[in-house]
Amino acid sequence: MFRTFDAILVVVMTAAATVTYTIKHKAENKLDEVRKLDAEILLEEHTIDLLRADWALLTQPTRLNRLVKAYEGDLQLVPTQSTQLVQPMELPMPTAELPALEEDGKDADKVAKAKGGAGNTDKIATGSVAR
């Protein structure tokens, strides 16, 4: 009787040890993946910091002024006038947001005008650009 019971206990202990080892092995593999991801994240953070520092150097006002003066003849740059700046509300409505027009007999002329017709251009005044 003890031999049968002992054999069952040995099998149960072997199965428990196998399951424990399998779980431990999977956990170690996941830990390795986490370490690799942490290393990649750290590399990306360092790259972002380096790019921000590079951007700060490239956009220094003194450097930009020096470049503007050096290439003034080639680029013909002039300061932006306040009348050239617009507010978002002054911009025309995007074509995708225009209300749909019905194309029945009465509205055919309106549709043709809305689509631009032959050689017509939109005349939208924003009020901010000196003409």
Protein backbone atom coordinates (compact mmCIF):
# COMPACT_ATOMS: atom_id res chain seq x y z
CA MET A 1 0.00 0.00 0.00
CA PHE A 2 2.77 2.41 0.83
CA ARG A 3 4.53 1.66 -2.42
CA THR A 4 1.50 2.70 -4.50
CA PHE A 5 1.04 5.81 -2.41
CA ASP A 6 4.77 6.61 -2.66
CA ALA A 7 4.66 6.21 -6.45
CA ILE A 8 1.69 8.56 -6.69
CA LEU A 9 3.47 11.16 -4.53
CA VAL A 10 6.62 10.89 -6.67
CA VAL A 11 4.56 11.45 -9.84
CA VAL A 12 2.71 14.42 -8.27
CA MET A 13 5.99 15.95 -7.06
CA THR A 14 7.58 15.47 -10.50
CA ALA A 15 4.59 17.10 -12.19
CA ALA A 16 4.67 19.99 -9.70
CA ALA A 17 8.41 20.47 -10.26
CA THR A 18 7.88 20.45 -14.06
CA VAL A 19 5.08 23.01 -13.85
CA THR A 20 7.15 25.18 -11.49
CA TYR A 21 10.17 25.05 -13.81
CA THR A 22 8.03 25.90 -16.85
CA ILE A 23 6.47 28.90 -15.10
CA LYS A 24 9.90 30.08 -13.92
CA HIS A 25 11.34 29.75 -17.43
CA LYS A 26 8.46 31.75 -18.98
CA ALA A 27 8.84 34.45 -16.31
CA GLU A 28 12.56 34.76 -17.03
CA ASN A 29 11.86 35.08 -20.76
CA LYS A 30 9.32 37.82 -20.09
CA LEU A 31 11.81 39.59 -17.82
CA ASP A 32 14.37 39.53 -20.64
CA GLU A 33 11.79 41.05 -23.00
CA VAL A 34 11.01 43.78 -20.46
CA ARG A 35 14.74 44.56 -20.08
CA LYS A 36 15.13 44.81 -23.88
CA LEU A 37 12.11 47.13 -24.10
CA ASP A 38 13.48 49.29 -21.28
CA ALA A 39 16.79 49.57 -23.14
CA GLU A 40 14.97 50.56 -26.35
CA ILE A 41 12.88 53.14 -24.48
CA LEU A 42 15.99 54.61 -22.87
CA LEU A 43 17.70 54.81 -26.29
CA GLU A 44 14.65 56.58 -27.77
CA GLU A 45 14.56 59.04 -24.85
CA HIS A 46 18.24 59.84 -25.34
CA THR A 47 17.64 60.29 -29.08
CA ILE A 48 14.73 62.66 -28.39
CA ASP A 49 16.88 64.67 -25.97
CA LEU A 50 19.66 64.87 -28.56
CA LEU A 51 17.23 65.99 -31.27
CA ARG A 52 15.75 68.65 -28.98
CA ALA A 53 19.22 69.98 -28.22
CA ASP A 54 20.04 69.99 -31.94
CA TRP A 55 16.77 71.83 -32.68
CA ALA A 56 17.56 74.41 -29.99
CA LEU A 57 20.96 75.04 -31.59
CA LEU A 58 19.52 75.30 -35.10
CA THR A 59 16.77 77.74 -34.13
CA GLN A 60 18.86 80.19 -32.14
CA PRO A 61 17.84 83.72 -33.15
CA THR A 62 21.46 84.89 -33.52
CA ARG A 63 22.26 82.00 -35.87
CA LEU A 64 19.11 82.62 -37.93
CA ASN A 65 19.90 86.35 -38.17
CA ARG A 66 23.42 85.50 -39.35
CA LEU A 67 22.00 83.17 -42.02
CA VAL A 68 19.44 85.75 -43.14
CA LYS A 69 22.18 88.34 -43.58
CA ALA A 70 24.44 85.87 -45.39
CA TYR A 71 21.77 84.84 -47.91
CA GLU A 72 19.87 88.12 -48.09
CA GLY A 73 20.71 88.68 -51.76
CA ASP A 74 19.84 85.15 -52.86
CA LEU A 75 16.62 84.70 -50.92
CA GLN A 76 15.41 88.31 -50.96
CA LEU A 77 13.82 87.87 -47.53
CA VAL A 78 11.80 90.70 -46.04
CA PRO A 79 10.17 90.97 -42.61
CA THR A 80 6.58 89.80 -42.34
CA GLN A 81 4.14 92.66 -42.10
CA SER A 82 1.31 92.57 -39.60
CA THR A 83 -1.23 92.75 -42.43
CA GLN A 84 -0.02 89.39 -43.73
CA LEU A 85 -1.07 87.49 -40.62
CA VAL A 86 -4.56 86.00 -40.41
CA GLN A 87 -6.65 84.58 -37.62
CA PRO A 88 -8.16 81.09 -38.04
CA MET A 89 -11.66 82.55 -38.25
CA GLU A 90 -10.61 84.66 -41.25
CA LEU A 91 -9.62 81.65 -43.37
CA PRO A 92 -12.13 80.34 -45.92
CA MET A 93 -14.12 77.22 -45.11
CA PRO A 94 -12.45 74.03 -46.38
CA THR A 95 -14.16 72.54 -49.43
CA ALA A 96 -14.89 69.32 -47.53
CA GLU A 97 -16.98 71.26 -45.00
CA LEU A 98 -19.12 73.12 -47.55
CA PRO A 99 -22.80 72.20 -47.35
CA ALA A 100 -23.99 69.92 -50.15
CA LEU A 101 -26.05 71.62 -52.85
CA GLU A 102 -28.94 69.90 -54.58
CA GLU A 103 -28.66 69.67 -58.37
CA ASP A 104 -32.27 70.11 -59.45
CA GLY A 105 -33.31 72.50 -62.23
CA LYS A 106 -33.58 75.59 -60.03
CA ASP A 107 -30.26 75.17 -58.30
CA ALA A 108 -28.20 74.30 -61.40
CA ASP A 109 -26.88 77.85 -61.68
CA LYS A 110 -25.92 77.90 -57.98
CA VAL A 111 -24.11 74.58 -58.35
CA ALA A 112 -22.19 75.81 -61.39
CA LYS A 113 -21.16 78.95 -59.52
CA ALA A 114 -20.18 76.95 -56.42
CA LYS A 115 -18.05 74.54 -58.45
CA GLY A 116 -16.20 77.41 -60.06
CA GLY A 117 -17.59 77.15 -63.55
CA ALA A 118 -15.33 77.75 -66.54
CA GLY A 119 -12.37 79.85 -65.48
CA ASN A 120 -14.06 81.30 -62.38
CA THR A 121 -12.04 81.63 -59.20
CA ASP A 122 -13.24 82.03 -55.66
CA LYS A 123 -13.12 85.61 -54.46
CA ILE A 124 -12.90 85.26 -50.68
CA ALA A 125 -11.69 88.32 -48.86
CA THR A 126 -10.08 87.63 -45.52
CA GLY A 127 -9.67 91.29 -44.65
CA SER A 128 -6.14 90.79 -43.42
CA VAL A 129 -4.03 90.89 -46.57
CA ALA A 130 -3.29 94.27 -48.13
CA ARG A 131 -4.30 94.17 -51.78
